[in-house]
């Protein structure tokens, strides 16, 4: 039923997993994520995660863990970015600006 595997698709699996807003993670998902993190040295998986400073985890001591801090964009830079992405339509820019005021991490570098 299945064709013979081709050499070009038999390479080791490379995978990118993205987890957002870990500060809202539930216990079961945290356990799964912890298990996945422990398996990283033997896999070709890249985790990209984001969380607020109050989120706590046990990965900081791992040699394969790197943290990159992303601060909010300054207002003038955020405005330039929105203008570049949205053009001169100020109605959409106002919506983004309003959202960014309610969540300081809405527009990050």
N, C-alpha and C. Protein backbone atom coordinates (compact mmCIF):
# COMPACT_ATOMS: atom_id res chain seq x y z
N UNK A 1 0.81 -1.19 0.00
CA UNK A 1 0.00 0.00 0.00
C UNK A 1 0.86 1.26 0.00
N UNK A 2 1.97 1.28 0.78
CA UNK A 2 2.84 2.43 0.82
C UNK A 2 4.04 2.21 -0.09
N UNK A 3 4.48 3.27 -0.74
CA UNK A 3 5.66 3.19 -1.60
C UNK A 3 6.90 3.07 -0.72
N UNK A 4 7.96 2.58 -1.29
CA UNK A 4 9.22 2.50 -0.56
C UNK A 4 9.68 3.89 -0.18
N UNK A 5 10.23 4.04 1.01
CA UNK A 5 10.67 5.37 1.43
C UNK A 5 11.81 5.86 0.55
N UNK A 6 11.74 7.12 0.21
CA UNK A 6 12.81 7.75 -0.56
C UNK A 6 13.85 8.29 0.40
N UNK A 7 15.08 8.30 -0.03
CA UNK A 7 16.19 8.75 0.83
C UNK A 7 16.00 10.20 1.26
N UNK A 8 15.45 11.05 0.39
CA UNK A 8 15.33 12.47 0.73
C UNK A 8 14.26 12.74 1.79
N UNK A 9 13.35 11.81 2.00
CA UNK A 9 12.36 12.03 3.05
C UNK A 9 12.64 11.19 4.29
N UNK A 10 13.73 10.46 4.28
CA UNK A 10 14.09 9.64 5.43
C UNK A 10 15.11 10.32 6.33
N UNK A 11 15.38 11.56 6.08
CA UNK A 11 16.28 12.32 6.94
C UNK A 11 15.63 12.45 8.32
N UNK A 12 16.44 12.71 9.34
CA UNK A 12 15.85 12.91 10.67
C UNK A 12 14.81 14.04 10.64
N UNK A 13 13.77 13.84 11.38
CA UNK A 13 12.68 14.81 11.43
C UNK A 13 13.15 16.10 12.10
N UNK A 14 12.88 17.21 11.45
CA UNK A 14 13.15 18.51 12.03
C UNK A 14 11.80 19.19 12.23
N UNK A 15 11.57 19.68 13.43
CA UNK A 15 10.25 20.17 13.78
C UNK A 15 10.35 21.47 14.56
N UNK A 16 9.46 22.38 14.26
CA UNK A 16 9.34 23.63 15.00
C UNK A 16 8.00 23.61 15.71
N UNK A 17 8.02 23.77 17.03
CA UNK A 17 6.79 23.84 17.82
C UNK A 17 6.70 25.21 18.45
N UNK A 18 5.54 25.83 18.33
CA UNK A 18 5.32 27.16 18.89
C UNK A 18 4.24 27.06 19.95
N UNK A 19 4.58 27.53 21.17
CA UNK A 19 3.63 27.59 22.27
C UNK A 19 3.50 29.05 22.68
N UNK A 20 2.27 29.55 22.70
CA UNK A 20 2.03 30.94 23.05
C UNK A 20 1.41 31.06 24.44
N UNK A 21 1.74 32.16 25.08
CA UNK A 21 1.08 32.54 26.33
C UNK A 21 1.13 31.45 27.41
N UNK A 22 2.33 30.95 27.68
CA UNK A 22 2.46 29.89 28.67
C UNK A 22 2.04 30.33 30.07
N UNK A 23 1.93 31.61 30.31
CA UNK A 23 1.48 32.09 31.61
C UNK A 23 0.04 31.65 31.89
N UNK A 24 -0.68 31.16 30.87
CA UNK A 24 -2.05 30.67 31.04
C UNK A 24 -2.14 29.15 30.92
N UNK A 25 -1.02 28.46 30.98
CA UNK A 25 -1.00 27.02 30.73
C UNK A 25 -1.68 26.25 31.88
N UNK A 26 -2.36 25.16 31.54
CA UNK A 26 -2.96 24.32 32.57
C UNK A 26 -1.97 23.24 32.99
N UNK A 27 -2.26 22.57 34.07
CA UNK A 27 -1.34 21.60 34.66
C UNK A 27 -0.99 20.46 33.71
N UNK A 28 -1.99 19.89 33.04
CA UNK A 28 -1.74 18.76 32.16
C UNK A 28 -0.86 19.16 30.98
N UNK A 29 -1.12 20.32 30.41
CA UNK A 29 -0.30 20.78 29.28
C UNK A 29 1.11 21.10 29.75
N UNK A 30 1.26 21.63 30.97
CA UNK A 30 2.59 21.90 31.51
C UNK A 30 3.37 20.61 31.66
N UNK A 31 2.73 19.55 32.13
CA UNK A 31 3.39 18.25 32.27
C UNK A 31 3.84 17.72 30.91
N UNK A 32 2.99 17.85 29.91
CA UNK A 32 3.35 17.43 28.56
C UNK A 32 4.54 18.24 28.05
N UNK A 33 4.48 19.54 28.22
CA UNK A 33 5.56 20.42 27.77
C UNK A 33 6.87 20.09 28.49
N UNK A 34 6.82 19.87 29.79
CA UNK A 34 8.01 19.51 30.54
C UNK A 34 8.63 18.21 30.00
N UNK A 35 7.79 17.26 29.68
CA UNK A 35 8.26 16.00 29.12
C UNK A 35 8.92 16.22 27.77
N UNK A 36 8.31 17.04 26.94
CA UNK A 36 8.89 17.35 25.63
C UNK A 36 10.23 18.07 25.78
N UNK A 37 10.31 18.99 26.71
CA UNK A 37 11.56 19.72 26.94
C UNK A 37 12.67 18.76 27.35
N UNK A 38 12.36 17.79 28.18
CA UNK A 38 13.35 16.81 28.61
C UNK A 38 13.87 15.97 27.44
N UNK A 39 13.05 15.78 26.41
CA UNK A 39 13.46 14.97 25.27
C UNK A 39 14.23 15.76 24.21
N UNK A 40 14.33 17.06 24.34
CA UNK A 40 14.95 17.89 23.30
C UNK A 40 16.38 17.50 22.93
N UNK A 41 17.23 17.13 23.87
CA UNK A 41 18.60 16.81 23.47
C UNK A 41 18.72 15.65 22.48
N UNK A 42 17.73 14.79 22.43
CA UNK A 42 17.79 13.63 21.53
C UNK A 42 16.95 13.81 20.28
N UNK A 43 16.44 15.01 20.07
CA UNK A 43 15.59 15.27 18.91
C UNK A 43 16.08 16.50 18.15
N UNK A 44 15.48 16.73 17.01
CA UNK A 44 15.74 17.94 16.24
C UNK A 44 14.48 18.80 16.26
N UNK A 45 14.13 19.23 17.46
CA UNK A 45 12.94 20.05 17.66
C UNK A 45 13.37 21.40 18.18
N UNK A 46 12.81 22.44 17.60
CA UNK A 46 13.02 23.79 18.08
C UNK A 46 11.72 24.27 18.69
N UNK A 47 11.76 24.63 19.96
CA UNK A 47 10.59 25.20 20.64
C UNK A 47 10.71 26.71 20.62
N UNK A 48 9.67 27.36 20.23
CA UNK A 48 9.55 28.80 20.40
C UNK A 48 8.38 29.01 21.34
N UNK A 49 8.64 29.65 22.45
CA UNK A 49 7.58 29.86 23.43
C UNK A 49 7.59 31.31 23.87
N UNK A 50 6.43 31.77 24.27
CA UNK A 50 6.40 33.10 24.87
C UNK A 50 5.56 33.04 26.14
N UNK A 51 5.92 33.92 27.06
CA UNK A 51 5.22 33.98 28.34
C UNK A 51 5.55 35.29 29.02
N UNK A 52 4.70 35.63 29.96
CA UNK A 52 4.93 36.84 30.76
C UNK A 52 5.95 36.53 31.86
N UNK A 53 6.57 37.57 32.41
CA UNK A 53 7.61 37.36 33.42
C UNK A 53 7.15 36.55 34.64
N UNK A 54 5.88 36.56 34.97
CA UNK A 54 5.43 35.83 36.15
C UNK A 54 5.35 34.31 35.95
N UNK A 55 5.44 33.85 34.71
CA UNK A 55 5.42 32.41 34.44
C UNK A 55 6.73 31.79 34.93
N UNK A 56 6.64 30.66 35.61
CA UNK A 56 7.83 29.99 36.13
C UNK A 56 7.95 28.59 35.53
N UNK A 57 9.18 28.24 35.20
CA UNK A 57 9.46 26.91 34.67
C UNK A 57 10.81 26.44 35.21
N UNK A 58 11.16 25.22 34.90
CA UNK A 58 12.40 24.64 35.43
C UNK A 58 13.46 24.44 34.35
N UNK A 59 13.32 25.11 33.23
CA UNK A 59 14.22 24.86 32.11
C UNK A 59 15.45 25.76 32.11
N UNK A 60 15.49 26.78 32.92
CA UNK A 60 16.58 27.75 32.87
C UNK A 60 17.96 27.11 33.03
N UNK A 61 18.03 26.01 33.74
CA UNK A 61 19.32 25.38 33.97
C UNK A 61 19.73 24.41 32.86
N UNK A 62 18.90 24.25 31.86
CA UNK A 62 19.21 23.33 30.76
C UNK A 62 20.25 23.97 29.84
N UNK A 63 21.20 23.18 29.39
CA UNK A 63 22.23 23.72 28.50
C UNK A 63 21.67 24.06 27.12
N UNK A 64 20.55 23.48 26.78
CA UNK A 64 19.94 23.70 25.48
C UNK A 64 18.80 24.73 25.54
N UNK A 65 18.74 25.48 26.60
CA UNK A 65 17.70 26.52 26.77
C UNK A 65 18.33 27.89 26.61
N UNK A 66 17.73 28.72 25.78
CA UNK A 66 18.17 30.10 25.61
C UNK A 66 16.96 31.01 25.69
N UNK A 67 17.06 32.01 26.52
CA UNK A 67 15.95 32.96 26.68
C UNK A 67 16.31 34.26 25.97
N UNK A 68 15.37 34.77 25.19
CA UNK A 68 15.51 36.06 24.53
C UNK A 68 14.37 36.95 25.01
N UNK A 69 14.72 38.05 25.60
CA UNK A 69 13.71 38.98 26.10
C UNK A 69 13.27 39.90 24.98
N UNK A 70 11.96 40.03 24.79
CA UNK A 70 11.40 40.93 23.79
C UNK A 70 10.60 42.01 24.51
N UNK A 71 11.11 43.21 24.47
CA UNK A 71 10.43 44.32 25.11
C UNK A 71 9.41 44.94 24.16
N UNK A 72 8.39 45.63 24.71
CA UNK A 72 7.42 46.31 23.85
C UNK A 72 8.12 47.34 22.97
N UNK A 73 7.60 47.51 21.77
CA UNK A 73 8.14 48.54 20.88
C UNK A 73 7.82 49.92 21.45
N UNK A 74 8.74 50.87 21.30
CA UNK A 74 8.41 52.25 21.66
C UNK A 74 7.27 52.74 20.76
N UNK A 75 6.43 53.66 21.25
CA UNK A 75 5.28 54.11 20.47
C UNK A 75 5.62 54.57 19.05
N UNK A 76 6.74 55.31 18.89
CA UNK A 76 7.06 55.79 17.54
C UNK A 76 7.43 54.65 16.61
N UNK A 77 8.13 53.65 17.12
CA UNK A 77 8.51 52.50 16.30
C UNK A 77 7.28 51.66 15.96
N UNK A 78 6.39 51.49 16.92
CA UNK A 78 5.15 50.75 16.67
C UNK A 78 4.33 51.46 15.60
N UNK A 79 4.29 52.77 15.68
CA UNK A 79 3.53 53.53 14.69
C UNK A 79 4.14 53.38 13.30
N UNK A 80 5.46 53.42 13.20
CA UNK A 80 6.14 53.21 11.91
C UNK A 80 5.82 51.83 11.35
N UNK A 81 5.88 50.81 12.22
CA UNK A 81 5.58 49.46 11.79
C UNK A 81 4.16 49.35 11.26
N UNK A 82 3.21 49.91 12.01
CA UNK A 82 1.81 49.85 11.58
C UNK A 82 1.61 50.59 10.26
N UNK A 83 2.26 51.71 10.11
CA UNK A 83 2.12 52.47 8.87
C UNK A 83 2.69 51.68 7.69
N UNK A 84 3.81 51.01 7.93
CA UNK A 84 4.42 50.18 6.88
C UNK A 84 3.51 49.01 6.51
N UNK A 85 2.90 48.38 7.51
CA UNK A 85 2.04 47.22 7.27
C UNK A 85 0.66 47.58 6.75
N UNK A 86 0.10 48.68 7.27
CA UNK A 86 -1.30 49.02 6.98
C UNK A 86 -1.47 50.17 6.00
N UNK A 87 -0.37 50.83 5.68
CA UNK A 87 -0.49 51.99 4.80
C UNK A 87 -1.04 53.18 5.57
N UNK A 88 -1.80 53.99 4.89
CA UNK A 88 -2.30 55.22 5.51
C UNK A 88 -3.67 55.06 6.13
N UNK A 89 -4.22 53.86 6.18
CA UNK A 89 -5.54 53.63 6.78
C UNK A 89 -5.43 53.75 8.30
N UNK A 90 -5.80 54.89 8.83
CA UNK A 90 -5.65 55.14 10.27
C UNK A 90 -6.68 54.41 11.12
N UNK A 91 -7.78 53.95 10.53
CA UNK A 91 -8.79 53.25 11.33
C UNK A 91 -8.22 51.94 11.89
N UNK A 92 -7.50 51.18 11.07
CA UNK A 92 -6.88 49.95 11.56
C UNK A 92 -5.78 50.25 12.57
N UNK A 93 -5.02 51.29 12.33
CA UNK A 93 -3.96 51.66 13.26
C UNK A 93 -4.54 52.01 14.62
N UNK A 94 -5.69 52.69 14.64
CA UNK A 94 -6.34 53.03 15.92
C UNK A 94 -6.76 51.77 16.67
N UNK A 95 -7.26 50.77 15.95
CA UNK A 95 -7.66 49.50 16.58
C UNK A 95 -6.45 48.83 17.22
N UNK A 96 -5.35 48.75 16.48
CA UNK A 96 -4.13 48.15 17.04
C UNK A 96 -3.63 48.94 18.24
N UNK A 97 -3.66 50.25 18.14
CA UNK A 97 -3.20 51.09 19.24
C UNK A 97 -4.05 50.87 20.49
N UNK A 98 -5.37 50.79 20.30
CA UNK A 98 -6.27 50.55 21.44
C UNK A 98 -5.98 49.20 22.08
N UNK A 99 -5.78 48.16 21.26
CA UNK A 99 -5.46 46.82 21.79
C UNK A 99 -4.13 46.84 22.53
N UNK A 100 -3.16 47.55 21.99
CA UNK A 100 -1.84 47.60 22.62
C UNK A 100 -1.90 48.29 23.97
N UNK A 101 -2.82 49.21 24.15
CA UNK A 101 -2.95 49.88 25.43
C UNK A 101 -3.51 48.95 26.50
N UNK A 102 -4.35 47.99 26.10
CA UNK A 102 -4.91 47.05 27.07
C UNK A 102 -3.95 45.91 27.37
N UNK A 103 -3.05 45.62 26.45
CA UNK A 103 -2.06 44.57 26.66
C UNK A 103 -0.71 45.10 26.20
N UNK A 104 0.15 45.40 27.16
CA UNK A 104 1.41 46.06 26.83
C UNK A 104 2.32 45.20 25.95
N UNK A 105 2.05 43.91 25.81
CA UNK A 105 2.88 43.04 25.00
C UNK A 105 2.30 42.83 23.59
N UNK A 106 1.24 43.59 23.23
CA UNK A 106 0.62 43.38 21.94
C UNK A 106 1.54 43.68 20.78
N UNK A 107 2.36 44.68 20.94
CA UNK A 107 3.30 45.04 19.88
C UNK A 107 4.70 44.91 20.44
N UNK A 108 5.38 43.83 20.06
CA UNK A 108 6.72 43.61 20.57
C UNK A 108 7.71 43.55 19.43
N UNK A 109 8.96 43.84 19.75
CA UNK A 109 10.02 43.83 18.74
C UNK A 109 10.26 42.42 18.27
